[in-house]
């Protein structure tokens, strides 16, 4: 089995999380009275209503969140075959 590369997965999840953030921010601009928008300040500390600074902060924070998720996922994905082979051989 081939190992999953870290860098490709990190940048893919980074872009995915940033696209989701931009879509949430765009939905907030279109409809600010929705209840689901309370999630953005909960996920991103010190996030205020949409200003340029908080939008850039949200993009950078979602990039780091994507990288962290990718690092954890790739670590366990690459570790699983060796653990499974140890368990199956017993």
N, C-alpha and C. Protein backbone atom coordinates (compact mmCIF):
# COMPACT_ATOMS: atom_id res chain seq x y z
N UNK A 1 0.84 -1.18 0.00
CA UNK A 1 0.00 0.00 0.00
C UNK A 1 0.88 1.24 0.00
N UNK A 2 0.53 2.20 -0.82
CA UNK A 2 1.28 3.45 -0.87
C UNK A 2 0.88 4.35 0.29
N UNK A 3 1.86 5.06 0.79
CA UNK A 3 1.58 5.99 1.88
C UNK A 3 0.99 7.28 1.31
N UNK A 4 0.11 7.87 2.07
CA UNK A 4 -0.52 9.13 1.68
C UNK A 4 0.46 10.27 1.93
N UNK A 5 0.71 11.14 0.93
CA UNK A 5 1.66 12.22 1.13
C UNK A 5 1.08 13.34 2.00
N UNK A 6 1.92 13.91 2.83
CA UNK A 6 1.47 14.97 3.74
C UNK A 6 1.15 16.27 3.01
N UNK A 7 2.05 16.73 2.14
CA UNK A 7 1.90 18.06 1.55
C UNK A 7 0.66 18.17 0.68
N UNK A 8 0.41 17.20 -0.17
CA UNK A 8 -0.78 17.26 -1.03
C UNK A 8 -2.05 17.27 -0.21
N UNK A 9 -2.09 16.43 0.80
CA UNK A 9 -3.27 16.36 1.65
C UNK A 9 -3.44 17.64 2.45
N UNK A 10 -2.34 18.20 2.92
CA UNK A 10 -2.41 19.44 3.69
C UNK A 10 -2.97 20.58 2.83
N UNK A 11 -2.49 20.72 1.62
CA UNK A 11 -2.97 21.81 0.78
C UNK A 11 -4.39 21.56 0.29
N UNK A 12 -4.76 20.31 0.08
CA UNK A 12 -6.14 20.01 -0.33
C UNK A 12 -7.12 20.36 0.79
N UNK A 13 -6.83 19.96 2.02
CA UNK A 13 -7.74 20.29 3.12
C UNK A 13 -7.71 21.78 3.43
N UNK A 14 -6.56 22.40 3.25
CA UNK A 14 -6.46 23.85 3.43
C UNK A 14 -7.41 24.56 2.47
N UNK A 15 -7.37 24.18 1.20
CA UNK A 15 -8.25 24.81 0.21
C UNK A 15 -9.72 24.49 0.48
N UNK A 16 -10.01 23.26 0.91
CA UNK A 16 -11.38 22.90 1.23
C UNK A 16 -11.92 23.73 2.39
N UNK A 17 -11.15 23.85 3.46
CA UNK A 17 -11.59 24.63 4.61
C UNK A 17 -11.74 26.11 4.25
N UNK A 18 -10.86 26.64 3.40
CA UNK A 18 -10.97 28.04 3.01
C UNK A 18 -12.19 28.28 2.12
N UNK A 19 -12.50 27.35 1.25
CA UNK A 19 -13.70 27.50 0.42
C UNK A 19 -14.95 27.46 1.29
N UNK A 20 -14.98 26.56 2.25
CA UNK A 20 -16.13 26.49 3.16
C UNK A 20 -16.25 27.79 3.95
N UNK A 21 -15.11 28.34 4.41
CA UNK A 21 -15.15 29.61 5.15
C UNK A 21 -15.68 30.73 4.27
N UNK A 22 -15.21 30.83 3.04
CA UNK A 22 -15.66 31.89 2.14
C UNK A 22 -17.16 31.74 1.86
N UNK A 23 -17.63 30.52 1.67
CA UNK A 23 -19.06 30.31 1.45
C UNK A 23 -19.88 30.70 2.68
N UNK A 24 -19.39 30.37 3.86
CA UNK A 24 -20.09 30.78 5.09
C UNK A 24 -20.10 32.30 5.25
N UNK A 25 -18.97 32.93 4.94
CA UNK A 25 -18.89 34.39 5.04
C UNK A 25 -19.80 35.05 4.01
N UNK A 26 -19.86 34.50 2.80
CA UNK A 26 -20.75 35.05 1.78
C UNK A 26 -22.21 34.88 2.17
N UNK A 27 -22.54 33.74 2.77
CA UNK A 27 -23.90 33.53 3.24
C UNK A 27 -24.24 34.48 4.38
N UNK A 28 -23.25 34.80 5.21
CA UNK A 28 -23.46 35.75 6.29
C UNK A 28 -23.77 37.14 5.74
N UNK A 29 -23.10 37.53 4.65
CA UNK A 29 -23.35 38.83 4.04
C UNK A 29 -24.74 38.86 3.43
N UNK A 30 -25.15 37.76 2.79
CA UNK A 30 -26.45 37.71 2.13
C UNK A 30 -27.58 37.66 3.14
N UNK A 31 -27.42 36.85 4.18
CA UNK A 31 -28.49 36.67 5.15
C UNK A 31 -27.91 36.68 6.56
N UNK A 32 -27.73 37.86 7.15
CA UNK A 32 -27.10 37.92 8.48
C UNK A 32 -27.99 37.45 9.63
N UNK A 33 -29.28 37.24 9.39
CA UNK A 33 -30.17 36.84 10.49
C UNK A 33 -30.25 35.33 10.70
N UNK A 34 -29.53 34.53 9.94
CA UNK A 34 -29.54 33.09 10.14
C UNK A 34 -28.85 32.71 11.44
N UNK A 35 -29.35 31.69 12.10
CA UNK A 35 -28.80 31.27 13.39
C UNK A 35 -27.47 30.53 13.26
N UNK A 36 -27.20 29.90 12.14
CA UNK A 36 -25.98 29.11 11.96
C UNK A 36 -24.71 29.92 11.93
N UNK A 37 -24.84 31.23 11.74
CA UNK A 37 -23.65 32.07 11.67
C UNK A 37 -22.98 32.27 13.03
N UNK A 38 -23.63 31.88 14.08
CA UNK A 38 -23.01 31.96 15.41
C UNK A 38 -21.86 30.97 15.54
N UNK A 39 -21.78 30.04 14.61
CA UNK A 39 -20.70 29.05 14.64
C UNK A 39 -19.35 29.67 14.28
N UNK A 40 -19.33 30.66 13.39
CA UNK A 40 -18.06 31.27 12.99
C UNK A 40 -17.29 31.88 14.17
N UNK A 41 -17.93 32.71 15.00
CA UNK A 41 -17.17 33.22 16.16
C UNK A 41 -16.79 32.13 17.16
N UNK A 42 -17.53 31.02 17.18
CA UNK A 42 -17.18 29.92 18.08
C UNK A 42 -15.95 29.17 17.59
N UNK A 43 -15.83 29.01 16.28
CA UNK A 43 -14.69 28.30 15.71
C UNK A 43 -13.45 29.17 15.67
N UNK A 44 -13.63 30.43 15.31
CA UNK A 44 -12.50 31.35 15.18
C UNK A 44 -12.54 32.35 16.33
N UNK A 45 -11.66 32.20 17.33
CA UNK A 45 -11.66 33.15 18.46
C UNK A 45 -11.36 34.57 17.99
N UNK A 46 -11.95 35.55 18.61
CA UNK A 46 -11.79 36.97 18.31
C UNK A 46 -12.31 37.33 16.93
N UNK A 47 -13.19 36.52 16.36
CA UNK A 47 -13.80 36.82 15.07
C UNK A 47 -14.98 37.74 15.30
N UNK A 48 -15.01 38.83 14.57
CA UNK A 48 -16.12 39.77 14.69
C UNK A 48 -16.91 39.74 13.39
N UNK A 49 -17.86 40.64 13.29
CA UNK A 49 -18.59 40.72 12.03
C UNK A 49 -17.62 40.98 10.89
N UNK A 50 -18.09 40.77 9.71
CA UNK A 50 -17.19 40.77 8.56
C UNK A 50 -16.55 42.14 8.31
N UNK A 51 -15.29 42.18 8.63
CA UNK A 51 -14.43 43.28 8.23
C UNK A 51 -13.30 42.66 7.43
N UNK A 52 -12.53 43.47 6.78
CA UNK A 52 -11.43 42.93 5.98
C UNK A 52 -10.44 42.18 6.87
N UNK A 53 -10.13 42.75 8.01
CA UNK A 53 -9.18 42.10 8.93
C UNK A 53 -9.68 40.77 9.44
N UNK A 54 -10.95 40.71 9.83
CA UNK A 54 -11.48 39.44 10.34
C UNK A 54 -11.65 38.42 9.23
N UNK A 55 -11.92 38.86 8.00
CA UNK A 55 -12.02 37.94 6.88
C UNK A 55 -10.67 37.31 6.59
N UNK A 56 -9.62 38.11 6.57
CA UNK A 56 -8.26 37.59 6.35
C UNK A 56 -7.86 36.68 7.50
N UNK A 57 -8.20 37.08 8.72
CA UNK A 57 -7.94 36.23 9.89
C UNK A 57 -8.64 34.89 9.76
N UNK A 58 -9.88 34.88 9.30
CA UNK A 58 -10.62 33.64 9.12
C UNK A 58 -10.00 32.76 8.04
N UNK A 59 -9.51 33.38 6.96
CA UNK A 59 -8.83 32.59 5.92
C UNK A 59 -7.56 31.94 6.45
N UNK A 60 -6.79 32.69 7.21
CA UNK A 60 -5.54 32.15 7.75
C UNK A 60 -5.83 31.07 8.80
N UNK A 61 -6.81 31.32 9.66
CA UNK A 61 -7.15 30.33 10.68
C UNK A 61 -7.71 29.06 10.05
N UNK A 62 -8.53 29.18 9.01
CA UNK A 62 -9.05 27.98 8.36
C UNK A 62 -7.94 27.22 7.65
N UNK A 63 -6.91 27.94 7.19
CA UNK A 63 -5.76 27.27 6.59
C UNK A 63 -5.05 26.42 7.64
N UNK A 64 -4.82 26.98 8.82
CA UNK A 64 -4.15 26.23 9.88
C UNK A 64 -5.01 25.06 10.36
N UNK A 65 -6.31 25.26 10.47
CA UNK A 65 -7.19 24.16 10.86
C UNK A 65 -7.13 23.03 9.83
N UNK A 66 -7.11 23.38 8.56
CA UNK A 66 -7.01 22.38 7.51
C UNK A 66 -5.70 21.61 7.59
N UNK A 67 -4.61 22.31 7.86
CA UNK A 67 -3.32 21.65 7.99
C UNK A 67 -3.31 20.69 9.18
N UNK A 68 -3.86 21.12 10.30
CA UNK A 68 -3.89 20.27 11.50
C UNK A 68 -4.71 19.01 11.25
N UNK A 69 -5.87 19.17 10.64
CA UNK A 69 -6.71 18.01 10.33
C UNK A 69 -5.99 17.06 9.39
N UNK A 70 -5.32 17.61 8.38
CA UNK A 70 -4.61 16.76 7.41
C UNK A 70 -3.45 16.02 8.06
N UNK A 71 -2.71 16.69 8.92
CA UNK A 71 -1.58 16.03 9.59
C UNK A 71 -2.06 14.87 10.44
N UNK A 72 -3.13 15.08 11.19
CA UNK A 72 -3.66 14.02 12.04
C UNK A 72 -4.20 12.88 11.19
N UNK A 73 -4.95 13.21 10.13
CA UNK A 73 -5.53 12.17 9.28
C UNK A 73 -4.46 11.35 8.57
N UNK A 74 -3.46 12.01 7.99
CA UNK A 74 -2.42 11.28 7.26
C UNK A 74 -1.59 10.42 8.20
N UNK A 75 -1.33 10.92 9.39
CA UNK A 75 -0.57 10.14 10.36
C UNK A 75 -1.27 8.82 10.65
N UNK A 76 -2.56 8.89 10.99
CA UNK A 76 -3.28 7.67 11.32
C UNK A 76 -3.56 6.82 10.08
N UNK A 77 -3.76 7.43 8.93
CA UNK A 77 -3.98 6.68 7.70
C UNK A 77 -2.73 5.88 7.33
N UNK A 78 -1.57 6.48 7.48
CA UNK A 78 -0.32 5.78 7.17
C UNK A 78 0.06 4.78 8.26
N UNK A 79 -0.40 4.99 9.47
CA UNK A 79 -0.09 4.10 10.57
C UNK A 79 -0.98 2.85 10.57
N UNK A 80 -2.19 2.96 10.04
CA UNK A 80 -3.16 1.88 10.12
C UNK A 80 -2.69 0.57 9.50
N UNK A 81 -2.07 0.53 8.32
CA UNK A 81 -1.68 -0.78 7.76
C UNK A 81 -0.70 -1.55 8.64
N UNK A 82 0.23 -0.86 9.27
CA UNK A 82 1.18 -1.58 10.14
C UNK A 82 0.48 -2.11 11.39
N UNK A 83 -0.44 -1.37 11.95
CA UNK A 83 -1.19 -1.84 13.12
C UNK A 83 -2.09 -3.01 12.73
N UNK A 84 -2.74 -2.90 11.58
CA UNK A 84 -3.63 -3.97 11.13
C UNK A 84 -2.85 -5.25 10.85
N UNK A 85 -1.65 -5.13 10.29
CA UNK A 85 -0.86 -6.33 10.01
C UNK A 85 -0.40 -7.00 11.31
N UNK A 86 -0.11 -6.23 12.35
CA UNK A 86 0.27 -6.80 13.63
C UNK A 86 -0.91 -7.54 14.24
N UNK A 87 -2.09 -6.95 14.17
CA UNK A 87 -3.28 -7.56 14.76
C UNK A 87 -3.68 -8.82 14.00
N UNK A 88 -3.59 -8.80 12.67
CA UNK A 88 -4.02 -9.93 11.85
C UNK A 88 -3.05 -11.11 12.00
N UNK A 89 -1.78 -10.86 12.16
CA UNK A 89 -0.80 -11.93 12.27
C UNK A 89 -0.93 -12.72 13.56
N UNK A 90 -1.54 -12.17 14.57
CA UNK A 90 -1.66 -12.88 15.86
C UNK A 90 -2.66 -13.92 15.76
